[in-house]
Amino acid sequence: MDEREFDEFYAASFQRVTGQIYAMIGNRDEAQECVQEAFARAWAHRRKLDKAEHPEAWVRTTAYRIAVSRWRRTTRGRRPADRAVSAPVTAAAVSESHVALVTALKQLPEAQRQALVLHHIADLPVHDVAREMGVPEGTIKARLSRGRAALAALLADEEGLSHA
């Protein structure tokens, strides 16, 4: 993959992958940082990436693993709090339903949340989700079914609270 091809790949994939990682981890800034780092790693491994069947899946998996590693470091207290002050980043307004969805997704078990995001937000077929997560297709189908049911219940509860 040459520089132009990589730039096109980045431009076509960055927002989509960031949205998917955000849905998985629930923090937009962290998702952007993890995806940026994953693309930096992809550039360093572009020759291997060129041979990969699905470079976007490679970047998404790498970004998710970076996010998990960061979370683990933070929860173990090995990383001091970030005290750096930077200019505020303006982001597009987020709808109330989007906030409710992300809040509900955060309450699901990680495996269900990841399966739902990959299948419904990343638009991957079940067999690709299974391959990316390293589990059988039947496991993904069960996680999707349970996750959708739990998500529906959580969103129904949220709807009931907002109209009460």
C-alpha atoms as a PDB file:
ATOM      1  CA  MET A   1       0.000   0.000   0.000  1.00  0.00           C
ATOM      2  CA  ASP A   2       1.603   3.279  -1.065  1.00  0.00           C
ATOM      3  CA  GLU A   3       1.130   6.686   0.564  1.00  0.00           C
ATOM      4  CA  ARG A   4      -1.772   7.728  -1.664  1.00  0.00           C
ATOM      5  CA  GLU A   5      -3.620   4.436  -1.139  1.00  0.00           C
ATOM      6  CA  PHE A   6      -3.096   4.682   2.602  1.00  0.00           C
ATOM      7  CA  ASP A   7      -4.375   8.282   2.661  1.00  0.00           C
ATOM      8  CA  GLU A   8      -7.491   7.185   0.768  1.00  0.00           C
ATOM      9  CA  PHE A   9      -7.969   4.250   3.135  1.00  0.00           C
ATOM     10  CA  TYR A  10      -7.608   6.577   6.136  1.00  0.00           C
ATOM     11  CA  ALA A  11     -10.028   9.159   4.725  1.00  0.00           C
ATOM     12  CA  ALA A  12     -12.616   6.527   3.894  1.00  0.00           C
ATOM     13  CA  SER A  13     -12.368   4.636   7.187  1.00  0.00           C
ATOM     14  CA  PHE A  14     -11.430   6.984  10.045  1.00  0.00           C
ATOM     15  CA  GLN A  15     -14.879   8.366  10.938  1.00  0.00           C
ATOM     16  CA  ARG A  16     -16.602   5.001  10.548  1.00  0.00           C
ATOM     17  CA  VAL A  17     -14.071   3.130  12.711  1.00  0.00           C
ATOM     18  CA  THR A  18     -14.073   5.932  15.297  1.00  0.00           C
ATOM     19  CA  GLY A  19     -17.862   5.690  15.545  1.00  0.00           C
ATOM     20  CA  GLN A  20     -17.662   1.939  15.996  1.00  0.00           C
ATOM     21  CA  ILE A  21     -14.991   2.138  18.716  1.00  0.00           C
ATOM     22  CA  TYR A  22     -16.953   4.933  20.420  1.00  0.00           C
ATOM     23  CA  ALA A  23     -20.003   2.684  20.512  1.00  0.00           C
ATOM     24  CA  MET A  24     -17.873  -0.089  22.038  1.00  0.00           C
ATOM     25  CA  ILE A  25     -16.140   1.978  24.723  1.00  0.00           C
ATOM     26  CA  GLY A  26     -18.486   4.928  25.254  1.00  0.00           C
ATOM     27  CA  ASN A  27     -15.866   7.701  25.147  1.00  0.00           C
ATOM     28  CA  ARG A  28     -15.554   9.697  21.916  1.00  0.00           C
ATOM     29  CA  ASP A  29     -12.183  11.342  22.707  1.00  0.00           C
ATOM     30  CA  GLU A  30     -10.644   8.031  23.753  1.00  0.00           C
ATOM     31  CA  ALA A  31     -12.058   6.365  20.642  1.00  0.00           C
ATOM     32  CA  GLN A  32     -10.497   9.010  18.387  1.00  0.00           C
ATOM     33  CA  GLU A  33      -7.114   8.642  20.094  1.00  0.00           C
ATOM     34  CA  CYS A  34      -7.195   4.850  19.868  1.00  0.00           C
ATOM     35  CA  VAL A  35      -8.172   4.905  16.191  1.00  0.00           C
ATOM     36  CA  GLN A  36      -5.449   7.456  15.423  1.00  0.00           C
ATOM     37  CA  GLU A  37      -2.904   5.244  17.163  1.00  0.00           C
ATOM     38  CA  ALA A  38      -4.206   2.189  15.278  1.00  0.00           C
ATOM     39  CA  PHE A  39      -3.780   4.008  11.963  1.00  0.00           C
ATOM     40  CA  ALA A  40      -0.234   5.004  12.960  1.00  0.00           C
ATOM     41  CA  ARG A  41       0.497   1.327  13.610  1.00  0.00           C
ATOM     42  CA  ALA A  42      -1.173   0.408  10.319  1.00  0.00           C
ATOM     43  CA  TRP A  43       1.153   2.816   8.496  1.00  0.00           C
ATOM     44  CA  ALA A  44       4.153   1.178  10.158  1.00  0.00           C
ATOM     45  CA  HIS A  45       2.847  -2.258   9.085  1.00  0.00           C
ATOM     46  CA  ARG A  46       1.446  -1.230   5.706  1.00  0.00           C
ATOM     47  CA  ARG A  47       3.237  -4.014   3.832  1.00  0.00           C
ATOM     48  CA  LYS A  48       1.609  -6.653   6.027  1.00  0.00           C
ATOM     49  CA  LEU A  49      -1.658  -4.713   5.984  1.00  0.00           C
ATOM     50  CA  ASP A  50      -1.597  -4.655   2.201  1.00  0.00           C
ATOM     51  CA  LYS A  51      -1.791  -8.448   2.223  1.00  0.00           C
ATOM     52  CA  ALA A  52      -4.572  -8.536   4.831  1.00  0.00           C
ATOM     53  CA  GLU A  53      -8.023  -9.337   3.509  1.00  0.00           C
ATOM     54  CA  HIS A  54      -9.727  -6.626   5.553  1.00  0.00           C
ATOM     55  CA  PRO A  55      -7.447  -3.736   6.537  1.00  0.00           C
ATOM     56  CA  GLU A  56     -10.326  -1.863   8.192  1.00  0.00           C
ATOM     57  CA  ALA A  57     -10.983  -4.849  10.451  1.00  0.00           C
ATOM     58  CA  TRP A  58      -7.265  -4.882  11.340  1.00  0.00           C
ATOM     59  CA  VAL A  59      -7.413  -1.185  12.301  1.00  0.00           C
ATOM     60  CA  ARG A  60     -10.679  -1.631  14.236  1.00  0.00           C
ATOM     61  CA  THR A  61      -9.338  -4.630  16.166  1.00  0.00           C
ATOM     62  CA  THR A  62      -6.090  -2.806  16.910  1.00  0.00           C
ATOM     63  CA  ALA A  63      -7.953   0.316  18.076  1.00  0.00           C
ATOM     64  CA  TYR A  64     -10.196  -1.757  20.333  1.00  0.00           C
ATOM     65  CA  ARG A  65      -7.202  -3.560  21.830  1.00  0.00           C
ATOM     66  CA  ILE A  66      -5.489  -0.212  22.426  1.00  0.00           C
ATOM     67  CA  ALA A  67      -8.631   1.021  24.204  1.00  0.00           C
ATOM     68  CA  VAL A  68      -8.764  -2.091  26.391  1.00  0.00           C
ATOM     69  CA  SER A  69      -5.067  -1.770  27.235  1.00  0.00           C
ATOM     70  CA  ARG A  70      -5.501   1.884  28.158  1.00  0.00           C
ATOM     71  CA  TRP A  71      -8.500   1.052  30.327  1.00  0.00           C
ATOM     72  CA  ARG A  72      -6.549  -1.669  32.129  1.00  0.00           C
ATOM     73  CA  ARG A  73      -3.616   0.660  32.759  1.00  0.00           C
ATOM     74  CA  THR A  74      -5.931   3.328  34.086  1.00  0.00           C
ATOM     75  CA  THR A  75      -7.858   1.022  36.395  1.00  0.00           C
ATOM     76  CA  ARG A  76      -4.672  -0.426  37.805  1.00  0.00           C
ATOM     77  CA  GLY A  77      -3.473   3.031  38.673  1.00  0.00           C
ATOM     78  CA  ARG A  78      -0.262   2.745  36.680  1.00  0.00           C
ATOM     79  CA  ARG A  79      -1.020   5.827  34.658  1.00  0.00           C
ATOM     80  CA  PRO A  80      -1.284   9.177  36.437  1.00  0.00           C
ATOM     81  CA  ALA A  81      -4.245  11.390  35.697  1.00  0.00           C
ATOM     82  CA  ASP A  82      -3.810  13.547  32.642  1.00  0.00           C
ATOM     83  CA  ARG A  83      -3.495  17.141  33.789  1.00  0.00           C
ATOM     84  CA  ALA A  84      -2.681  18.600  30.391  1.00  0.00           C
ATOM     85  CA  VAL A  85      -4.901  21.442  29.299  1.00  0.00           C
ATOM     86  CA  SER A  86      -5.670  21.646  25.641  1.00  0.00           C
ATOM     87  CA  ALA A  87      -7.955  23.705  23.469  1.00  0.00           C
ATOM     88  CA  PRO A  88     -11.496  22.362  23.516  1.00  0.00           C
ATOM     89  CA  VAL A  89     -12.472  20.253  20.548  1.00  0.00           C
ATOM     90  CA  THR A  90     -15.823  21.081  19.051  1.00  0.00           C
ATOM     91  CA  ALA A  91     -17.870  18.098  18.072  1.00  0.00           C
ATOM     92  CA  ALA A  92     -21.169  17.818  16.304  1.00  0.00           C
ATOM     93  CA  ALA A  93     -24.207  17.839  18.554  1.00  0.00           C
ATOM     94  CA  VAL A  94     -25.244  14.376  19.646  1.00  0.00           C
ATOM     95  CA  SER A  95     -28.916  13.458  19.611  1.00  0.00           C
ATOM     96  CA  GLU A  96     -30.748  12.384  22.735  1.00  0.00           C
ATOM     97  CA  SER A  97     -31.421   8.941  21.240  1.00  0.00           C
ATOM     98  CA  HIS A  98     -27.697   8.512  20.446  1.00  0.00           C
ATOM     99  CA  VAL A  99     -26.799   9.316  24.069  1.00  0.00           C
ATOM    100  CA  ALA A 100     -29.440   6.848  25.285  1.00  0.00           C
ATOM    101  CA  LEU A 101     -28.070   4.139  22.979  1.00  0.00           C
ATOM    102  CA  VAL A 102     -24.457   4.635  24.104  1.00  0.00           C
ATOM    103  CA  THR A 103     -25.566   4.709  27.758  1.00  0.00           C
ATOM    104  CA  ALA A 104     -27.496   1.462  27.269  1.00  0.00           C
ATOM    105  CA  LEU A 105     -24.590  -0.169  25.395  1.00  0.00           C
ATOM    106  CA  LYS A 106     -22.257   0.641  28.317  1.00  0.00           C
ATOM    107  CA  GLN A 107     -24.490  -1.443  30.590  1.00  0.00           C
ATOM    108  CA  LEU A 108     -24.176  -4.591  28.464  1.00  0.00           C
ATOM    109  CA  PRO A 109     -21.435  -7.169  28.984  1.00  0.00           C
ATOM    110  CA  GLU A 110     -18.382  -6.346  26.864  1.00  0.00           C
ATOM    111  CA  ALA A 111     -18.735  -9.383  24.583  1.00  0.00           C
ATOM    112  CA  GLN A 112     -22.386  -8.591  23.774  1.00  0.00           C
ATOM    113  CA  ARG A 113     -21.616  -4.910  23.230  1.00  0.00           C
ATOM    114  CA  GLN A 114     -18.727  -5.699  20.878  1.00  0.00           C
ATOM    115  CA  ALA A 115     -20.820  -8.199  18.879  1.00  0.00           C
ATOM    116  CA  LEU A 116     -23.710  -5.731  18.550  1.00  0.00           C
ATOM    117  CA  VAL A 117     -21.460  -2.895  17.421  1.00  0.00           C
ATOM    118  CA  LEU A 118     -19.575  -5.010  14.891  1.00  0.00           C
ATOM    119  CA  HIS A 119     -22.752  -6.505  13.444  1.00  0.00           C
ATOM    120  CA  HIS A 120     -25.184  -3.569  13.555  1.00  0.00           C
ATOM    121  CA  ILE A 121     -22.942  -0.505  13.425  1.00  0.00           C
ATOM    122  CA  ALA A 122     -19.946  -1.846  11.487  1.00  0.00           C
ATOM    123  CA  ASP A 123     -22.379  -3.809   9.286  1.00  0.00           C
ATOM    124  CA  LEU A 124     -20.322  -6.995   9.401  1.00  0.00           C
ATOM    125  CA  PRO A 125     -22.018 -10.324   8.709  1.00  0.00           C
ATOM    126  CA  VAL A 126     -22.107 -12.831  11.565  1.00  0.00           C
ATOM    127  CA  HIS A 127     -19.252 -14.931  10.160  1.00  0.00           C
ATOM    128  CA  ASP A 128     -16.968 -11.850   9.960  1.00  0.00           C
ATOM    129  CA  VAL A 129     -17.872 -10.838  13.523  1.00  0.00           C
ATOM    130  CA  ALA A 130     -17.060 -14.381  14.668  1.00  0.00           C
ATOM    131  CA  ARG A 131     -13.714 -14.313  12.875  1.00  0.00           C
ATOM    132  CA  GLU A 132     -12.799 -10.883  14.244  1.00  0.00           C
ATOM    133  CA  MET A 133     -13.741 -11.834  17.808  1.00  0.00           C
ATOM    134  CA  GLY A 134     -12.218 -15.307  17.542  1.00  0.00           C
ATOM    135  CA  VAL A 135     -15.336 -17.251  18.586  1.00  0.00           C
ATOM    136  CA  PRO A 136     -17.784 -19.613  16.807  1.00  0.00           C
ATOM    137  CA  GLU A 137     -20.684 -18.174  14.802  1.00  0.00           C
ATOM    138  CA  GLY A 138     -23.197 -19.742  17.189  1.00  0.00           C
ATOM    139  CA  THR A 139     -21.641 -17.814  20.063  1.00  0.00           C
ATOM    140  CA  ILE A 140     -22.010 -14.573  18.115  1.00  0.00           C
ATOM    141  CA  LYS A 141     -25.640 -15.362  17.307  1.00  0.00           C
ATOM    142  CA  ALA A 142     -26.336 -15.985  21.003  1.00  0.00           C
ATOM    143  CA  ARG A 143     -24.547 -12.765  22.026  1.00  0.00           C
ATOM    144  CA  LEU A 144     -26.489 -10.805  19.419  1.00  0.00           C
ATOM    145  CA  SER A 145     -29.810 -12.262  20.526  1.00  0.00           C
ATOM    146  CA  ARG A 146     -29.157 -11.695  24.229  1.00  0.00           C
ATOM    147  CA  GLY A 147     -27.619  -8.299  23.590  1.00  0.00           C
ATOM    148  CA  ARG A 148     -30.568  -7.082  21.499  1.00  0.00           C
ATOM    149  CA  ALA A 149     -33.019  -8.263  24.155  1.00  0.00           C
ATOM    150  CA  ALA A 150     -31.065  -6.567  26.947  1.00  0.00           C
ATOM    151  CA  LEU A 151     -30.629  -3.408  24.880  1.00  0.00           C
ATOM    152  CA  ALA A 152     -34.355  -3.286  24.082  1.00  0.00           C
ATOM    153  CA  ALA A 153     -35.189  -3.623  27.774  1.00  0.00           C
ATOM    154  CA  LEU A 154     -32.690  -0.922  28.756  1.00  0.00           C
ATOM    155  CA  LEU A 155     -33.960   1.447  26.090  1.00  0.00           C
ATOM    156  CA  ALA A 156     -37.583   0.738  27.071  1.00  0.00           C
ATOM    157  CA  ASP A 157     -36.705   1.554  30.699  1.00  0.00           C
ATOM    158  CA  GLU A 158     -35.018   4.778  29.528  1.00  0.00           C
ATOM    159  CA  GLU A 159     -38.121   5.650  27.464  1.00  0.00           C
ATOM    160  CA  GLY A 160     -40.371   4.987  30.459  1.00  0.00           C
ATOM    161  CA  LEU A 161     -38.243   7.214  32.705  1.00  0.00           C
ATOM    162  CA  SER A 162     -38.210  10.094  30.231  1.00  0.00           C
ATOM    163  CA  HIS A 163     -42.028  10.091  29.967  1.00  0.00           C
ATOM    164  CA  ALA A 164     -42.678   9.695  33.692  1.00  0.00           C
END
